């Protein structure tokens, strides 16, 4: 296509760029509202009775949104024989959804004169419009426990631009 003429001016000389980002999920800490330790400060954590991440990530997205992690892995830490105590859940033991992004751009310089060019750009962020989910609810005493109720970023963005270079 780079042989000159109208065909080259329209179809030749395009450049493409791409970026692929794959990031594992960010961790969350489970919590509860009930103050089983009888303290006014610090985090209130439930008891761990299983593996919260022992659930298939290859399930359909609709199922993952309704229950992202194994919600049966936790139970509310209650008083034991009238004794106040802390729950045994650790920090950051729930792994949230990962991020897979594909960004793409293409551009072409159109020579107007030897020292002047017009550059056309088309940029696509999150090209395939994959949802980037927020963290699932991690409080065992809320209706959103284990559910994903938000997205972490915007859907696909497309922008076009013209740049005069001289």
N, C-alpha and C. Protein backbone atom coordinates (compact mmCIF):
# COMPACT_ATOMS: atom_id res chain seq x y z
N UNK A 1 0.81 -1.20 0.00
CA UNK A 1 0.00 0.00 0.00
C UNK A 1 0.86 1.27 0.00
N UNK A 2 2.13 1.15 0.28
CA UNK A 2 2.98 2.34 0.39
C UNK A 2 3.66 2.66 -0.95
N UNK A 3 2.87 2.78 -2.01
CA UNK A 3 3.43 3.04 -3.34
C UNK A 3 3.03 4.41 -3.88
N UNK A 4 2.39 5.21 -3.07
CA UNK A 4 1.99 6.53 -3.53
C UNK A 4 0.58 6.53 -4.07
N UNK A 5 0.10 7.71 -4.38
CA UNK A 5 -1.24 7.85 -4.94
C UNK A 5 -2.32 7.87 -3.87
N UNK A 6 -3.56 7.87 -4.33
CA UNK A 6 -4.72 7.97 -3.44
C UNK A 6 -4.84 6.73 -2.55
N UNK A 7 -4.57 5.55 -3.11
CA UNK A 7 -4.66 4.31 -2.32
C UNK A 7 -3.70 4.35 -1.13
N UNK A 8 -2.47 4.78 -1.38
CA UNK A 8 -1.50 4.90 -0.29
C UNK A 8 -1.94 5.96 0.70
N UNK A 9 -2.47 7.06 0.20
CA UNK A 9 -2.87 8.15 1.08
C UNK A 9 -3.97 7.70 2.04
N UNK A 10 -4.86 6.82 1.59
CA UNK A 10 -5.98 6.36 2.43
C UNK A 10 -5.61 5.10 3.21
N UNK A 11 -5.02 4.11 2.56
CA UNK A 11 -4.82 2.80 3.19
C UNK A 11 -3.41 2.52 3.68
N UNK A 12 -2.42 3.22 3.19
CA UNK A 12 -1.03 2.92 3.54
C UNK A 12 -0.54 3.67 4.76
N UNK A 13 0.47 3.13 5.41
CA UNK A 13 1.15 3.82 6.49
C UNK A 13 0.48 3.82 7.85
N UNK A 14 -0.52 2.98 8.06
CA UNK A 14 -1.17 2.92 9.37
C UNK A 14 -0.26 2.19 10.34
N UNK A 15 -0.26 2.63 11.57
CA UNK A 15 0.49 1.96 12.64
C UNK A 15 -0.49 1.54 13.71
N UNK A 16 -0.26 0.35 14.30
CA UNK A 16 -1.14 -0.13 15.36
C UNK A 16 -0.32 -0.41 16.61
N UNK A 17 -0.97 -0.27 17.74
CA UNK A 17 -0.35 -0.51 19.04
C UNK A 17 -1.35 -1.27 19.90
N UNK A 18 -0.85 -2.06 20.80
CA UNK A 18 -1.72 -2.77 21.72
C UNK A 18 -1.05 -2.99 23.06
N UNK A 19 -1.87 -3.00 24.10
CA UNK A 19 -1.40 -3.29 25.45
C UNK A 19 -2.36 -4.28 26.07
N UNK A 20 -1.83 -5.36 26.60
CA UNK A 20 -2.63 -6.34 27.32
C UNK A 20 -2.22 -6.31 28.78
N UNK A 21 -3.19 -6.18 29.67
CA UNK A 21 -2.93 -6.17 31.11
C UNK A 21 -3.72 -7.28 31.77
N UNK A 22 -3.04 -8.13 32.50
CA UNK A 22 -3.69 -9.19 33.26
C UNK A 22 -3.20 -9.10 34.70
N UNK A 23 -4.12 -8.82 35.60
CA UNK A 23 -3.78 -8.59 36.99
C UNK A 23 -4.63 -9.51 37.85
N UNK A 24 -4.00 -10.18 38.82
CA UNK A 24 -4.76 -11.03 39.73
C UNK A 24 -5.63 -10.17 40.62
N UNK A 25 -6.60 -10.77 41.26
CA UNK A 25 -7.54 -10.03 42.09
C UNK A 25 -6.91 -9.46 43.34
N UNK A 26 -7.48 -8.37 43.81
CA UNK A 26 -6.97 -7.76 45.04
C UNK A 26 -7.65 -8.41 46.25
N UNK A 27 -6.94 -8.45 47.36
CA UNK A 27 -7.46 -9.14 48.54
C UNK A 27 -8.44 -8.29 49.34
N UNK A 28 -9.30 -8.97 50.09
CA UNK A 28 -10.25 -8.33 51.02
C UNK A 28 -10.16 -9.05 52.36
N UNK A 29 -10.56 -8.34 53.38
CA UNK A 29 -10.60 -8.90 54.73
C UNK A 29 -12.04 -9.12 55.14
N UNK A 30 -12.40 -10.32 55.59
CA UNK A 30 -13.78 -10.54 56.03
C UNK A 30 -14.07 -9.78 57.32
N UNK A 31 -15.33 -9.44 57.52
CA UNK A 31 -15.72 -8.71 58.71
C UNK A 31 -17.10 -9.11 59.20
N UNK A 32 -17.47 -8.56 60.34
CA UNK A 32 -18.80 -8.78 60.90
C UNK A 32 -19.18 -7.55 61.70
N UNK A 33 -20.48 -7.37 61.95
CA UNK A 33 -20.96 -6.23 62.73
C UNK A 33 -20.94 -6.53 64.22
N UNK A 34 -21.23 -7.76 64.60
CA UNK A 34 -21.32 -8.14 66.01
C UNK A 34 -19.97 -7.98 66.69
N UNK A 35 -19.97 -7.31 67.82
CA UNK A 35 -18.74 -7.04 68.57
C UNK A 35 -18.49 -8.18 69.56
N UNK A 36 -17.99 -9.30 69.06
CA UNK A 36 -17.77 -10.49 69.91
C UNK A 36 -16.62 -10.31 70.88
N UNK A 37 -15.71 -9.35 70.62
CA UNK A 37 -14.57 -9.13 71.51
C UNK A 37 -14.85 -8.06 72.55
N UNK A 38 -16.01 -7.39 72.47
CA UNK A 38 -16.41 -6.35 73.41
C UNK A 38 -15.39 -5.21 73.44
N UNK A 39 -14.92 -4.80 72.26
CA UNK A 39 -14.00 -3.67 72.15
C UNK A 39 -14.64 -2.61 71.28
N UNK A 40 -14.22 -1.39 71.46
CA UNK A 40 -14.76 -0.31 70.65
C UNK A 40 -13.87 0.04 69.47
N UNK A 41 -12.70 -0.58 69.38
CA UNK A 41 -11.77 -0.26 68.30
C UNK A 41 -11.37 -1.54 67.58
N UNK A 42 -10.70 -1.35 66.48
CA UNK A 42 -10.20 -2.50 65.72
C UNK A 42 -11.27 -3.10 64.83
N UNK A 43 -10.84 -4.03 64.02
CA UNK A 43 -11.77 -4.68 63.11
C UNK A 43 -12.43 -5.87 63.79
N UNK A 44 -13.65 -6.12 63.40
CA UNK A 44 -14.41 -7.25 63.92
C UNK A 44 -14.42 -8.32 62.85
N UNK A 45 -13.80 -9.44 63.14
CA UNK A 45 -13.67 -10.49 62.12
C UNK A 45 -14.42 -11.75 62.53
N UNK A 46 -14.93 -12.47 61.52
CA UNK A 46 -15.63 -13.73 61.80
C UNK A 46 -14.63 -14.87 62.01
N UNK A 47 -15.18 -16.06 62.23
CA UNK A 47 -14.36 -17.27 62.32
C UNK A 47 -14.27 -17.91 60.95
N UNK A 48 -13.11 -18.47 60.64
CA UNK A 48 -12.89 -19.20 59.38
C UNK A 48 -13.17 -20.67 59.65
N UNK A 49 -14.03 -21.27 58.82
CA UNK A 49 -14.32 -22.70 58.96
C UNK A 49 -14.10 -23.45 57.65
N UNK A 50 -13.50 -22.79 56.66
CA UNK A 50 -13.23 -23.41 55.36
C UNK A 50 -12.35 -22.50 54.52
N UNK A 51 -12.15 -22.87 53.27
CA UNK A 51 -11.33 -22.08 52.35
C UNK A 51 -12.24 -21.16 51.54
N UNK A 52 -12.13 -19.84 51.73
CA UNK A 52 -13.02 -18.93 51.00
C UNK A 52 -12.77 -18.91 49.50
N UNK A 53 -11.58 -19.29 49.07
CA UNK A 53 -11.24 -19.24 47.64
C UNK A 53 -11.40 -20.59 46.95
N UNK A 54 -11.99 -21.57 47.64
CA UNK A 54 -12.18 -22.90 47.08
C UNK A 54 -13.51 -22.96 46.32
N UNK A 55 -13.62 -22.14 45.32
CA UNK A 55 -14.80 -22.12 44.47
C UNK A 55 -14.32 -21.80 43.05
N UNK A 56 -14.91 -22.42 42.08
CA UNK A 56 -14.43 -22.31 40.70
C UNK A 56 -14.58 -20.89 40.16
N UNK A 57 -13.52 -20.38 39.56
CA UNK A 57 -13.57 -19.06 38.91
C UNK A 57 -13.98 -19.20 37.45
N UNK A 58 -14.23 -20.42 36.99
CA UNK A 58 -14.64 -20.62 35.61
C UNK A 58 -16.16 -20.74 35.49
N UNK A 59 -16.87 -20.47 36.56
CA UNK A 59 -18.34 -20.49 36.51
C UNK A 59 -18.83 -19.32 35.66
N UNK A 60 -20.08 -19.38 35.20
CA UNK A 60 -20.63 -18.24 34.44
C UNK A 60 -20.58 -16.96 35.28
N UNK A 61 -20.42 -15.84 34.61
CA UNK A 61 -20.30 -14.56 35.32
C UNK A 61 -21.52 -14.26 36.19
N UNK A 62 -22.70 -14.63 35.72
CA UNK A 62 -23.90 -14.36 36.52
C UNK A 62 -23.84 -15.08 37.87
N UNK A 63 -23.28 -16.27 37.90
CA UNK A 63 -23.10 -16.99 39.17
C UNK A 63 -22.01 -16.35 40.01
N UNK A 64 -20.94 -15.91 39.38
CA UNK A 64 -19.85 -15.27 40.13
C UNK A 64 -20.31 -13.97 40.78
N UNK A 65 -21.16 -13.23 40.11
CA UNK A 65 -21.66 -11.97 40.67
C UNK A 65 -22.51 -12.24 41.91
N UNK A 66 -23.31 -13.31 41.88
CA UNK A 66 -24.17 -13.63 43.01
C UNK A 66 -23.42 -14.24 44.19
N UNK A 67 -22.35 -14.98 43.92
CA UNK A 67 -21.52 -15.56 44.99
C UNK A 67 -20.11 -15.71 44.44
N UNK A 68 -19.27 -14.72 44.73
CA UNK A 68 -17.92 -14.72 44.15
C UNK A 68 -16.98 -15.66 44.89
N UNK A 69 -17.11 -15.75 46.20
CA UNK A 69 -16.25 -16.65 46.98
C UNK A 69 -17.11 -17.58 47.80
N UNK A 70 -16.49 -18.55 48.43
CA UNK A 70 -17.19 -19.55 49.24
C UNK A 70 -17.68 -18.90 50.53
N UNK A 71 -18.95 -18.49 50.54
CA UNK A 71 -19.49 -17.79 51.71
C UNK A 71 -19.68 -18.72 52.90
N UNK A 72 -19.70 -20.03 52.67
CA UNK A 72 -19.83 -20.98 53.77
C UNK A 72 -18.50 -21.14 54.53
N UNK A 73 -17.45 -20.48 54.10
CA UNK A 73 -16.14 -20.59 54.75
C UNK A 73 -16.04 -19.74 56.01
N UNK A 74 -17.05 -18.90 56.29
CA UNK A 74 -17.02 -18.03 57.46
C UNK A 74 -18.31 -18.17 58.26
N UNK A 75 -18.20 -17.93 59.55
CA UNK A 75 -19.39 -17.81 60.39
C UNK A 75 -19.13 -16.70 61.39
N UNK A 76 -20.20 -16.11 61.84
CA UNK A 76 -20.08 -15.01 62.79
C UNK A 76 -19.42 -15.50 64.07
N UNK A 77 -18.42 -14.76 64.54
CA UNK A 77 -17.77 -15.10 65.81
C UNK A 77 -18.68 -14.63 66.94
N UNK A 78 -19.17 -15.56 67.72
CA UNK A 78 -20.06 -15.25 68.83
C UNK A 78 -19.34 -15.44 70.15
N UNK A 79 -20.05 -15.14 71.21
CA UNK A 79 -19.52 -15.40 72.54
C UNK A 79 -19.42 -16.91 72.74
N UNK A 80 -18.35 -17.36 73.35
CA UNK A 80 -18.18 -18.78 73.64
C UNK A 80 -18.29 -18.97 75.15
N UNK A 81 -19.35 -19.64 75.58
CA UNK A 81 -19.60 -19.87 77.01
C UNK A 81 -19.56 -18.56 77.79
N UNK A 82 -20.11 -17.50 77.21
CA UNK A 82 -20.14 -16.21 77.89
C UNK A 82 -18.83 -15.45 77.85
N UNK A 83 -17.82 -15.97 77.11
CA UNK A 83 -16.51 -15.33 77.04
C UNK A 83 -16.40 -14.51 75.78
N UNK A 84 -15.92 -13.27 75.94
CA UNK A 84 -15.68 -12.41 74.78
C UNK A 84 -14.41 -12.88 74.07
N UNK A 85 -14.45 -12.85 72.73
CA UNK A 85 -13.28 -13.30 71.98
C UNK A 85 -13.28 -12.69 70.58
N UNK A 86 -12.10 -12.69 69.98
CA UNK A 86 -11.94 -12.23 68.60
C UNK A 86 -12.20 -13.39 67.64
N UNK A 87 -12.66 -13.07 66.43
CA UNK A 87 -12.76 -14.09 65.39
C UNK A 87 -11.37 -14.44 64.89
N UNK A 88 -11.23 -15.61 64.27
CA UNK A 88 -9.90 -16.07 63.86
C UNK A 88 -9.57 -15.80 62.38
N UNK A 89 -10.41 -15.04 61.67
CA UNK A 89 -10.13 -14.75 60.25
C UNK A 89 -8.96 -13.77 60.14
N UNK A 90 -8.06 -14.07 59.21
CA UNK A 90 -6.90 -13.20 58.99
C UNK A 90 -7.20 -12.06 58.03
N UNK A 91 -6.23 -11.21 57.85
CA UNK A 91 -6.34 -10.10 56.91
C UNK A 91 -6.16 -10.60 55.48
N UNK A 92 -6.90 -9.99 54.56
CA UNK A 92 -6.70 -10.19 53.12
C UNK A 92 -6.74 -11.65 52.68
N UNK A 93 -7.68 -12.41 53.18
CA UNK A 93 -7.73 -13.83 52.81
C UNK A 93 -8.76 -14.13 51.72
N UNK A 94 -9.54 -13.15 51.34
CA UNK A 94 -10.48 -13.31 50.22
C UNK A 94 -9.85 -12.64 49.00
N UNK A 95 -9.67 -13.40 47.92
CA UNK A 95 -9.08 -12.85 46.70
C UNK A 95 -10.21 -12.45 45.75
N UNK A 96 -10.24 -11.17 45.39
CA UNK A 96 -11.29 -10.63 44.53
C UNK A 96 -11.09 -10.96 43.07
N UNK A 97 -11.96 -10.42 42.22
CA UNK A 97 -11.88 -10.70 40.78
C UNK A 97 -10.65 -10.07 40.13
N UNK A 98 -10.10 -10.76 39.17
CA UNK A 98 -8.95 -10.25 38.43
C UNK A 98 -9.37 -9.28 37.34
N UNK A 99 -8.38 -8.69 36.71
CA UNK A 99 -8.61 -7.70 35.65
C UNK A 99 -7.90 -8.17 34.39
N UNK A 100 -8.61 -8.19 33.29
CA UNK A 100 -8.05 -8.51 31.98
C UNK A 100 -8.44 -7.38 31.04
N UNK A 101 -7.47 -6.57 30.66
CA UNK A 101 -7.73 -5.43 29.80
C UNK A 101 -6.94 -5.53 28.51
N UNK A 102 -7.58 -5.11 27.44
CA UNK A 102 -6.93 -5.06 26.14
C UNK A 102 -7.16 -3.66 25.58
N UNK A 103 -6.07 -2.89 25.45
CA UNK A 103 -6.14 -1.55 24.87
C UNK A 103 -5.54 -1.60 23.47
N UNK A 104 -6.08 -0.81 22.57
CA UNK A 104 -5.66 -0.84 21.17
C UNK A 104 -5.69 0.58 20.62
N UNK A 105 -4.72 0.89 19.77
CA UNK A 105 -4.75 2.18 19.09
C UNK A 105 -4.18 2.02 17.69
N UNK A 106 -4.60 2.92 16.84
CA UNK A 106 -4.07 2.97 15.49
C UNK A 106 -3.94 4.44 15.10
N UNK A 107 -2.94 4.73 14.30
CA UNK A 107 -2.79 6.10 13.83
C UNK A 107 -2.08 6.14 12.50
N UNK A 108 -2.26 7.28 11.84
CA UNK A 108 -1.64 7.49 10.53
C UNK A 108 -1.31 8.96 10.39
N UNK A 109 -0.14 9.21 9.82
CA UNK A 109 0.28 10.57 9.51
C UNK A 109 -0.03 10.86 8.04
N UNK A 110 -0.75 11.94 7.79
CA UNK A 110 -1.05 12.39 6.44
C UNK A 110 -0.15 13.59 6.16
N UNK A 111 0.75 13.44 5.20
CA UNK A 111 1.66 14.54 4.82
C UNK A 111 0.89 15.59 4.05
N UNK A 112 0.94 16.80 4.55
CA UNK A 112 0.31 17.92 3.84
C UNK A 112 1.38 18.63 3.00
N UNK A 113 2.47 18.98 3.63
CA UNK A 113 3.67 19.49 2.96
C UNK A 113 4.85 18.81 3.62
N UNK A 114 6.02 19.10 3.17
CA UNK A 114 7.20 18.42 3.70
C UNK A 114 7.35 18.61 5.21
N UNK A 115 7.04 19.79 5.71
CA UNK A 115 7.24 20.06 7.13
C UNK A 115 5.94 20.04 7.94
N UNK A 116 4.83 19.76 7.30
CA UNK A 116 3.52 19.75 7.99
C UNK A 116 2.83 18.41 7.74
N UNK A 117 2.31 17.82 8.83
CA UNK A 117 1.56 16.57 8.73
C UNK A 117 0.36 16.63 9.67
N UNK A 118 -0.68 15.91 9.30
CA UNK A 118 -1.87 15.78 10.13
C UNK A 118 -1.94 14.32 10.58
N UNK A 119 -2.00 14.14 11.88
CA UNK A 119 -2.04 12.77 12.41
C UNK A 119 -3.45 12.47 12.89
N UNK A 120 -4.01 11.34 12.42
CA UNK A 120 -5.31 10.85 12.88
C UNK A 120 -5.04 9.70 13.84
N UNK A 121 -5.71 9.72 15.00
CA UNK A 121 -5.54 8.67 16.01
C UNK A 121 -6.91 8.11 16.40
N UNK A 122 -6.98 6.80 16.59
CA UNK A 122 -8.15 6.14 17.16
C UNK A 122 -7.65 5.25 18.28
N UNK A 123 -8.18 5.46 19.48
CA UNK A 123 -7.72 4.71 20.65
C UNK A 123 -8.91 4.05 21.33
N UNK A 124 -8.72 2.78 21.70
CA UNK A 124 -9.77 1.99 22.32
C UNK A 124 -9.23 1.44 23.64
N UNK A 125 -9.79 1.91 24.74
CA UNK A 125 -9.40 1.42 26.06
C UNK A 125 -10.46 0.43 26.52
N UNK A 126 -10.03 -0.75 26.99
CA UNK A 126 -10.93 -1.86 27.30
C UNK A 126 -11.66 -2.26 26.02
N UNK A 127 -10.88 -2.61 25.02
CA UNK A 127 -11.37 -2.87 23.66
C UNK A 127 -12.56 -3.83 23.61
N UNK A 128 -12.51 -4.92 24.35
CA UNK A 128 -13.57 -5.93 24.28
C UNK A 128 -14.68 -5.67 25.29
N UNK A 129 -14.62 -4.53 25.99
CA UNK A 129 -15.66 -4.09 26.92
C UNK A 129 -15.93 -5.11 28.02
N UNK A 130 -14.86 -5.71 28.53
CA UNK A 130 -14.99 -6.65 29.64
C UNK A 130 -15.28 -5.89 30.93
N UNK A 131 -16.27 -6.31 31.70
CA UNK A 131 -16.52 -5.60 32.96
C UNK A 131 -15.36 -5.83 33.94
N UNK A 132 -15.01 -4.80 34.64
CA UNK A 132 -13.98 -4.88 35.67
C UNK A 132 -14.72 -4.75 36.99
N UNK A 133 -14.92 -5.89 37.64
CA UNK A 133 -15.76 -5.93 38.82
C UNK A 133 -15.05 -5.38 40.05
N UNK A 134 -15.84 -4.78 40.95
CA UNK A 134 -15.34 -4.35 42.24
C UNK A 134 -15.20 -5.54 43.17
N UNK A 135 -14.80 -5.28 44.39
CA UNK A 135 -14.63 -6.36 45.37
C UNK A 135 -16.00 -6.87 45.83
N UNK A 136 -16.08 -8.15 46.14
CA UNK A 136 -17.34 -8.67 46.68
C UNK A 136 -17.53 -8.23 48.13
N UNK A 137 -18.79 -8.20 48.56
CA UNK A 137 -19.08 -7.86 49.96
C UNK A 137 -18.47 -8.90 50.89
N UNK A 138 -17.77 -8.44 51.93
CA UNK A 138 -17.03 -9.35 52.80
C UNK A 138 -17.55 -9.35 54.23
N UNK A 139 -18.66 -8.66 54.50
CA UNK A 139 -19.23 -8.65 55.85
C UNK A 139 -20.29 -9.74 55.94
N UNK A 140 -20.08 -10.70 56.85
CA UNK A 140 -20.96 -11.88 56.94
C UNK A 140 -22.38 -11.53 57.36
N UNK A 141 -22.62 -10.32 57.85
CA UNK A 141 -23.94 -9.96 58.35
C UNK A 141 -24.70 -8.98 57.46
N UNK A 142 -24.26 -8.83 56.22
CA UNK A 142 -24.96 -7.91 55.31
C UNK A 142 -25.58 -8.68 54.15
N UNK A 143 -26.59 -8.12 53.52
CA UNK A 143 -27.23 -8.79 52.38
C UNK A 143 -26.31 -8.93 51.16
N UNK A 144 -25.26 -8.14 51.09
CA UNK A 144 -24.36 -8.19 49.94
C UNK A 144 -23.17 -9.13 50.18
N UNK A 145 -23.22 -9.92 51.22
CA UNK A 145 -22.13 -10.83 51.56
C UNK A 145 -21.85 -11.79 50.40
N UNK A 146 -20.62 -11.77 49.89
CA UNK A 146 -20.20 -12.64 48.80
C UNK A 146 -20.62 -12.17 47.42
N UNK A 147 -21.40 -11.08 47.33
CA UNK A 147 -21.91 -10.60 46.05
C UNK A 147 -21.09 -9.43 45.54
N UNK A 148 -20.99 -9.34 44.23
CA UNK A 148 -20.36 -8.20 43.59
C UNK A 148 -21.47 -7.23 43.21
N UNK A 149 -21.37 -6.01 43.72
CA UNK A 149 -22.45 -5.03 43.49
C UNK A 149 -22.00 -3.81 42.70
N UNK A 150 -20.74 -3.80 42.25
CA UNK A 150 -20.26 -2.63 41.54
C UNK A 150 -19.14 -3.01 40.57
N UNK A 151 -18.81 -2.08 39.71
CA UNK A 151 -17.64 -2.24 38.86
C UNK A 151 -16.55 -1.31 39.37
N UNK A 152 -15.31 -1.66 39.08
CA UNK A 152 -14.17 -0.90 39.59
C UNK A 152 -13.74 0.21 38.65
N UNK A 153 -14.18 0.17 37.40
CA UNK A 153 -13.79 1.22 36.46
C UNK A 153 -14.84 1.34 35.37
N UNK A 154 -14.60 2.28 34.49
CA UNK A 154 -15.54 2.55 33.40
C UNK A 154 -15.50 1.46 32.35
N UNK A 155 -16.58 1.34 31.57
CA UNK A 155 -16.55 0.40 30.45
C UNK A 155 -15.64 0.93 29.34
N UNK A 156 -15.74 0.36 28.17
CA UNK A 156 -14.88 0.73 27.04
C UNK A 156 -14.93 2.23 26.78
N UNK A 157 -13.76 2.80 26.54
CA UNK A 157 -13.63 4.20 26.12
C UNK A 157 -13.03 4.21 24.73
N UNK A 158 -13.61 5.02 23.87
CA UNK A 158 -13.09 5.19 22.51
C UNK A 158 -12.85 6.67 22.30
N UNK A 159 -11.69 7.00 21.79
CA UNK A 159 -11.43 8.41 21.48
C UNK A 159 -10.72 8.54 20.15
N UNK A 160 -11.07 9.58 19.46
CA UNK A 160 -10.47 9.91 18.17
C UNK A 160 -9.79 11.26 18.31
N UNK A 161 -8.71 11.43 17.60
CA UNK A 161 -8.02 12.70 17.69
C UNK A 161 -7.32 13.08 16.40
N UNK A 162 -7.15 14.37 16.21
CA UNK A 162 -6.38 14.92 15.11
C UNK A 162 -5.27 15.78 15.71
N UNK A 163 -4.09 15.63 15.16
CA UNK A 163 -2.94 16.37 15.67
C UNK A 163 -2.20 16.97 14.48
N UNK A 164 -2.00 18.27 14.54
CA UNK A 164 -1.25 18.95 13.49
C UNK A 164 0.20 19.05 13.92
N UNK A 165 1.09 18.50 13.12
CA UNK A 165 2.52 18.47 13.41
C UNK A 165 3.23 19.37 12.42
N UNK A 166 4.00 20.34 12.93
CA UNK A 166 4.77 21.22 12.03
C UNK A 166 6.13 21.51 12.59
